[in-house]
Amino acid sequence: MSTSSDETSRDKMRAASVSLGTNALLTALKAAGAALTGSVGLLSEAVHSGADLVSSTLVLASVHVAAAPPDEDHPYGHAKVENISGLAEAAVLGLLGIYVIAQGVEHLWRHVALERVNVGLEIAAACAVLSGIAGFYIQLVGKRTRSAALRANGLHLLSDLATSAGVAIALLTVKLTNIQWADGAIGLVLGTWLVFSAFRVGYEAFQQLIDRRLPDADVTRIRTIVEAEASLISYHRLRTRLSGNLRYIDFHVVVPNTWSVVEAHQVVDGLERNLREELTPAVIVIHVDPFDPEKAARGRRSL
């Protein structure tokens, strides 16, 4: 594994560890707040962070497994473990959203009155700040390393920022106006939002598992680099996919049939180097086709 890959793996492990520690602290704070106040908002948040704690453990394990180099049984590496982890996180988040909705309905139906609202308000505000700081950091690392699992986990923490802030607003409303149903109402809103977020996270992870091509921006960068090589006659059969944070790119290039193997090899090496610099980390396979006038003529006649 190269130095750059080692650094990427260390960054991902560090971010996953931060996520794990943050979710453990958030779960403890929110559970204490729910016990002291009777707030369904804080209870739902405690369950939310508890589910994220389980998810963070999955992320830490998946990042460790995904960093393992290819072996005889897994010649393409283990990067898709991260995508599976992201899908599992989406399932947990979706179930959690449904639970939050159910708790909100029950709270509204029973007209539960809150206790120690000031304590709950302080805990919710502190959790929102902590979630925001950790979430932005993990999202940044996830985007830089193209880790689906870290991006999903960062999104969970950023959702904690929004939901904790929402709970704080609901508790502030209860404190100032004594409108007790505000706590249950925020549960319904946040539960719906969590279900929607789970769908987005799961959709992205699933698309990578079924080998969807790279985003349009990446494909455009590939085409720009290949087309900048003036010595090529043409190229075709461009295929791409993403596994974890690793891009797979393969295509055919057509070169003059008077070229030697050495000449073709030099051009292809240059293309691979340029693509890796622009789209690292990437595995690139380029097949060389010598120009065939008869085949080219048949292709023109079929147009």
Protein backbone atom coordinates (compact mmCIF):
# COMPACT_ATOMS: atom_id res chain seq x y z
CA MET A 1 0.00 0.00 0.00
CA SER A 2 1.39 3.44 -0.94
CA THR A 3 2.10 6.26 1.53
CA SER A 4 -0.91 8.17 0.20
CA SER A 5 -3.16 5.15 0.79
CA ASP A 6 -1.74 4.73 4.29
CA GLU A 7 -2.53 8.36 5.09
CA THR A 8 -6.06 7.98 3.72
CA SER A 9 -6.63 4.89 5.87
CA ARG A 10 -5.33 6.70 8.96
CA ASP A 11 -7.61 9.67 8.29
CA LYS A 12 -10.60 7.38 7.91
CA MET A 13 -9.79 5.44 11.08
CA ARG A 14 -9.35 8.69 13.02
CA ALA A 15 -12.68 10.05 11.78
CA ALA A 16 -14.46 6.79 12.57
CA SER A 17 -13.02 6.85 16.10
CA VAL A 18 -14.19 10.45 16.60
CA SER A 19 -17.66 9.40 15.46
CA LEU A 20 -17.72 6.49 17.89
CA GLY A 21 -16.65 8.63 20.86
CA THR A 22 -19.05 11.45 20.00
CA ASN A 23 -22.04 9.15 19.69
CA ALA A 24 -21.23 7.47 23.01
CA LEU A 25 -21.18 10.86 24.75
CA LEU A 26 -24.34 12.07 22.99
CA THR A 27 -26.24 8.90 23.92
CA ALA A 28 -25.34 9.29 27.60
CA LEU A 29 -26.26 13.00 27.69
CA LYS A 30 -29.61 12.57 25.94
CA ALA A 31 -30.60 9.51 27.97
CA ALA A 32 -29.91 11.46 31.16
CA GLY A 33 -31.91 14.43 29.82
CA ALA A 34 -34.86 12.21 28.88
CA ALA A 35 -34.87 10.60 32.32
CA LEU A 36 -34.82 13.97 34.09
CA THR A 37 -37.43 15.74 31.95
CA GLY A 38 -39.71 13.08 30.50
CA SER A 39 -39.20 14.67 27.06
CA VAL A 40 -40.09 12.41 24.15
CA GLY A 41 -37.87 14.62 22.01
CA LEU A 42 -34.82 13.89 24.15
CA LEU A 43 -35.82 10.22 24.46
CA SER A 44 -36.02 9.94 20.70
CA GLU A 45 -32.69 11.71 20.41
CA ALA A 46 -31.15 9.25 22.89
CA VAL A 47 -32.41 6.34 20.79
CA HIS A 48 -31.13 8.15 17.68
CA SER A 49 -27.64 8.54 19.11
CA GLY A 50 -27.72 4.98 20.46
CA ALA A 51 -28.45 3.72 16.95
CA ASP A 52 -25.66 5.96 15.63
CA LEU A 53 -23.33 4.47 18.24
CA VAL A 54 -24.02 1.02 16.81
CA SER A 55 -23.56 2.43 13.30
CA SER A 56 -20.27 4.09 14.28
CA THR A 57 -19.01 0.75 15.53
CA LEU A 58 -19.93 -0.75 12.15
CA VAL A 59 -18.13 2.09 10.37
CA LEU A 60 -14.97 1.65 12.44
CA ALA A 61 -14.96 -2.06 11.67
CA SER A 62 -15.78 -1.58 7.97
CA VAL A 63 -13.07 1.05 7.47
CA HIS A 64 -10.54 -1.32 9.04
CA VAL A 65 -11.64 -4.20 6.80
CA ALA A 66 -11.84 -2.03 3.67
CA ALA A 67 -8.26 -0.83 4.20
CA ALA A 68 -6.95 -4.40 3.86
CA PRO A 69 -5.02 -4.92 0.60
CA PRO A 70 -6.29 -7.27 -2.13
CA ASP A 71 -5.62 -10.95 -1.54
CA GLU A 72 -6.04 -14.21 -3.44
CA ASP A 73 -9.72 -14.55 -2.52
CA HIS A 74 -10.49 -10.83 -2.97
CA PRO A 75 -8.36 -9.64 -5.91
CA TYR A 76 -10.36 -6.39 -6.16
CA GLY A 77 -9.86 -5.56 -2.49
CA HIS A 78 -12.43 -5.12 0.27
CA ALA A 79 -13.68 -1.57 -0.35
CA LYS A 80 -17.33 -2.57 -0.82
CA VAL A 81 -17.52 -3.43 2.86
CA GLU A 82 -17.95 0.33 3.38
CA ASN A 83 -20.95 0.38 1.04
CA ILE A 84 -22.56 -2.50 2.92
CA SER A 85 -21.99 -0.61 6.16
CA GLY A 86 -23.59 2.50 4.66
CA LEU A 87 -26.64 0.43 3.65
CA ALA A 88 -26.91 -1.01 7.16
CA GLU A 89 -26.73 2.49 8.64
CA ALA A 90 -29.54 3.63 6.35
CA ALA A 91 -31.72 0.77 7.56
CA VAL A 92 -31.04 1.67 11.20
CA LEU A 93 -31.77 5.34 10.53
CA GLY A 94 -35.05 4.51 8.75
CA LEU A 95 -36.29 2.29 11.59
CA LEU A 96 -35.29 5.00 14.04
CA GLY A 97 -37.31 7.58 12.09
CA ILE A 98 -40.40 5.38 12.29
CA TYR A 99 -39.85 4.96 16.04
CA VAL A 100 -39.56 8.72 16.53
CA ILE A 101 -42.84 9.26 14.65
CA ALA A 102 -44.58 6.68 16.83
CA GLN A 103 -43.25 8.31 20.01
CA GLY A 104 -44.40 11.74 18.85
CA VAL A 105 -47.92 10.45 18.20
CA GLU A 106 -48.05 8.77 21.62
CA HIS A 107 -46.77 11.92 23.37
CA LEU A 108 -49.44 14.05 21.71
CA TRP A 109 -52.17 11.53 22.51
CA ARG A 110 -51.26 11.25 26.21
CA HIS A 111 -50.65 15.02 26.74
CA VAL A 112 -47.48 14.37 28.76
CA ALA A 113 -46.22 17.35 30.82
CA LEU A 114 -42.46 17.91 30.95
CA GLU A 115 -40.29 18.39 34.05
CA ARG A 116 -36.97 20.26 34.54
CA VAL A 117 -37.33 21.96 31.17
CA ASN A 118 -34.25 24.16 31.75
CA VAL A 119 -32.01 21.12 32.20
CA GLY A 120 -33.37 19.52 29.03
CA LEU A 121 -32.89 22.76 27.10
CA GLU A 122 -29.22 23.02 28.14
CA ILE A 123 -28.54 19.38 27.25
CA ALA A 124 -30.22 19.69 23.84
CA ALA A 125 -28.23 22.83 22.99
CA ALA A 126 -24.92 21.26 24.07
CA CYS A 127 -25.65 18.14 22.02
CA ALA A 128 -26.46 20.24 18.95
CA VAL A 129 -23.07 22.01 19.15
CA LEU A 130 -21.15 18.77 19.73
CA SER A 131 -22.96 16.98 16.88
CA GLY A 132 -22.32 19.84 14.47
CA ILE A 133 -18.58 20.00 15.12
CA ALA A 134 -18.08 16.23 14.86
CA GLY A 135 -20.47 15.85 11.91
CA PHE A 136 -18.80 18.51 9.76
CA TYR A 137 -15.37 17.01 10.46
CA ILE A 138 -16.44 13.45 9.58
CA GLN A 139 -18.29 14.60 6.45
CA LEU A 140 -15.15 16.47 5.35
CA VAL A 141 -12.99 13.36 5.78
CA GLY A 142 -15.63 11.19 4.10
CA LYS A 143 -15.76 13.43 1.03
CA ARG A 144 -11.97 13.76 0.82
CA THR A 145 -11.42 9.99 1.10
CA ARG A 146 -14.61 9.09 -0.87
CA SER A 147 -15.80 6.88 1.99
CA ALA A 148 -19.53 6.09 1.69
CA ALA A 149 -19.63 4.81 5.27
CA LEU A 150 -18.04 7.96 6.72
CA ARG A 151 -20.27 10.24 4.65
CA ALA A 152 -23.31 8.35 5.91
CA ASN A 153 -22.05 8.53 9.49
CA GLY A 154 -21.26 12.23 9.16
CA LEU A 155 -24.78 12.78 7.85
CA HIS A 156 -26.13 11.04 10.93
CA LEU A 157 -24.24 13.45 13.19
CA LEU A 158 -25.36 16.44 11.14
CA SER A 159 -28.91 15.15 11.47
CA ASP A 160 -28.21 15.14 15.22
CA LEU A 161 -27.35 18.83 14.94
CA ALA A 162 -30.71 19.53 13.30
CA THR A 163 -32.75 17.27 15.55
CA SER A 164 -31.08 18.43 18.77
CA ALA A 165 -31.63 22.04 17.72
CA GLY A 166 -35.27 21.19 16.97
CA VAL A 167 -35.69 19.61 20.40
CA ALA A 168 -34.07 22.67 22.00
CA ILE A 169 -36.54 24.93 20.17
CA ALA A 170 -39.46 22.75 21.27
CA LEU A 171 -38.29 22.81 24.89
CA LEU A 172 -37.81 26.57 24.72
CA THR A 173 -41.38 26.87 23.43
CA VAL A 174 -42.64 24.76 26.33
CA LYS A 175 -40.70 26.91 28.78
CA LEU A 176 -41.94 30.26 27.42
CA THR A 177 -45.53 29.36 26.51
CA ASN A 178 -46.29 26.13 28.41
CA ILE A 179 -47.45 24.58 25.11
CA GLN A 180 -46.70 20.97 26.08
CA TRP A 181 -47.61 19.47 22.71
CA ALA A 182 -44.59 21.19 21.07
CA ASP A 183 -42.36 18.33 22.26
CA GLY A 184 -44.50 15.70 20.53
CA ALA A 185 -44.91 17.78 17.39
CA ILE A 186 -41.17 18.10 16.92
CA GLY A 187 -40.96 14.30 17.21
CA LEU A 188 -43.27 13.88 14.23
CA VAL A 189 -41.32 16.38 12.12
CA LEU A 190 -37.92 14.92 12.99
CA GLY A 191 -39.07 11.36 12.46
CA THR A 192 -40.26 12.16 8.96
CA TRP A 193 -36.99 13.89 8.17
CA LEU A 194 -34.98 10.92 9.45
CA VAL A 195 -36.89 8.51 7.20
CA PHE A 196 -36.17 10.74 4.21
CA SER A 197 -32.47 10.98 5.14
CA ALA A 198 -32.28 7.20 5.47
CA PHE A 199 -33.64 6.80 1.95
CA ARG A 200 -30.97 9.13 0.53
CA VAL A 201 -28.11 7.38 2.35
CA GLY A 202 -29.38 3.92 1.42
CA TYR A 203 -29.89 4.88 -2.22
CA GLU A 204 -26.30 6.08 -2.58
CA ALA A 205 -24.85 2.97 -0.91
CA PHE A 206 -27.05 0.67 -3.02
CA GLN A 207 -26.02 2.39 -6.27
CA GLN A 208 -22.37 1.68 -5.48
CA LEU A 209 -23.10 -1.94 -4.63
CA ILE A 210 -24.68 -2.49 -8.07
CA ASP A 211 -21.68 -0.82 -9.78
CA ARG A 212 -23.28 2.36 -11.05
CA ARG A 213 -20.89 4.41 -13.19
CA LEU A 214 -18.93 7.34 -11.76
CA PRO A 215 -20.66 10.75 -11.49
CA ASP A 216 -20.90 12.88 -14.64
CA ALA A 217 -18.18 15.23 -13.36
CA ASP A 218 -15.69 12.35 -13.03
CA VAL A 219 -16.58 10.91 -16.45
CA THR A 220 -16.10 14.34 -18.01
CA ARG A 221 -12.66 14.64 -16.39
CA ILE A 222 -11.71 11.22 -17.77
CA ARG A 223 -12.82 12.11 -21.29
CA THR A 224 -10.99 15.44 -21.14
CA ILE A 225 -7.72 13.77 -20.18
CA VAL A 226 -8.00 11.03 -22.83
CA GLU A 227 -9.01 13.43 -25.60
CA ALA A 228 -6.06 15.67 -24.75
CA GLU A 229 -3.71 12.88 -25.95
CA ALA A 230 -3.37 13.99 -29.58
CA SER A 231 -1.48 10.87 -30.70
CA LEU A 232 -4.52 8.62 -30.22
CA ILE A 233 -6.83 8.01 -33.17
CA SER A 234 -9.87 7.39 -30.94
CA TYR A 235 -11.11 5.62 -27.83
CA HIS A 236 -14.22 3.60 -26.98
CA ARG A 237 -15.89 1.26 -24.46
CA LEU A 238 -15.29 3.56 -21.50
CA ARG A 239 -16.56 1.89 -18.34
CA THR A 240 -16.37 3.16 -14.77
CA ARG A 241 -17.55 2.19 -11.30
CA LEU A 242 -16.92 3.09 -7.68
CA SER A 243 -16.13 0.61 -4.90
CA GLY A 244 -15.81 2.26 -1.50
CA ASN A 245 -13.54 5.20 -2.28
CA LEU A 246 -11.75 3.46 -5.14
CA ARG A 247 -12.57 4.33 -8.77
CA TYR A 248 -12.32 1.61 -11.42
CA ILE A 249 -11.79 2.87 -14.99
CA ASP A 250 -11.25 0.85 -18.16
CA PHE A 251 -11.47 1.67 -21.87
CA HIS A 252 -9.97 0.90 -25.30
CA VAL A 253 -7.72 3.24 -27.25
CA VAL A 254 -7.05 3.04 -31.00
CA VAL A 255 -3.45 3.78 -32.02
CA PRO A 256 -1.71 3.90 -35.43
CA ASN A 257 -1.01 0.37 -36.67
CA THR A 258 2.57 1.41 -37.43
CA TRP A 259 3.39 1.90 -33.76
CA SER A 260 5.62 -0.50 -31.90
CA VAL A 261 4.57 -2.09 -28.62
CA VAL A 262 7.01 0.25 -26.84
CA GLU A 263 5.41 3.37 -28.36
CA ALA A 264 1.90 2.27 -27.44
CA HIS A 265 3.03 1.35 -23.94
CA GLN A 266 4.58 4.77 -23.38
CA VAL A 267 1.41 6.59 -24.40
CA VAL A 268 -0.80 4.36 -22.25
CA ASP A 269 1.53 4.79 -19.27
CA GLY A 270 1.24 8.54 -19.64
CA LEU A 271 -2.55 8.34 -19.77
CA GLU A 272 -2.69 6.16 -16.65
CA ARG A 273 -0.40 8.55 -14.79
CA ASN A 274 -2.50 11.60 -15.72
CA LEU A 275 -5.75 9.86 -14.76
CA ARG A 276 -4.39 8.75 -11.39
CA GLU A 277 -3.16 12.24 -10.59
CA GLU A 278 -6.59 13.67 -11.35
CA LEU A 279 -8.80 10.89 -9.95
CA THR A 280 -6.83 9.18 -7.18
CA PRO A 281 -7.37 6.57 -5.85
CA ALA A 282 -8.09 4.69 -9.06
CA VAL A 283 -7.48 1.35 -10.76
CA ILE A 284 -7.09 1.90 -14.50
CA VAL A 285 -7.02 -0.69 -17.28
CA ILE A 286 -6.43 0.47 -20.87
CA HIS A 287 -6.67 -1.93 -23.81
CA VAL A 288 -4.73 -1.00 -26.96
CA ASP A 289 -6.32 -1.60 -30.40
CA PRO A 290 -4.24 -1.07 -33.58
CA PHE A 291 -6.06 0.97 -36.21
CA ASP A 292 -7.95 -1.26 -38.68
CA PRO A 293 -8.94 0.65 -41.89
CA GLU A 294 -11.51 -1.98 -42.94
CA LYS A 295 -13.19 -1.96 -39.53
CA ALA A 296 -13.23 1.84 -39.52
CA ALA A 297 -14.81 1.84 -43.01
CA ARG A 298 -17.52 -0.61 -41.92
CA GLY A 299 -18.24 1.62 -38.94
CA ARG A 300 -18.64 4.70 -41.19
CA ARG A 301 -20.97 2.83 -43.56
CA SER A 302 -23.19 1.78 -40.63
CA LEU A 303 -23.73 5.37 -39.52
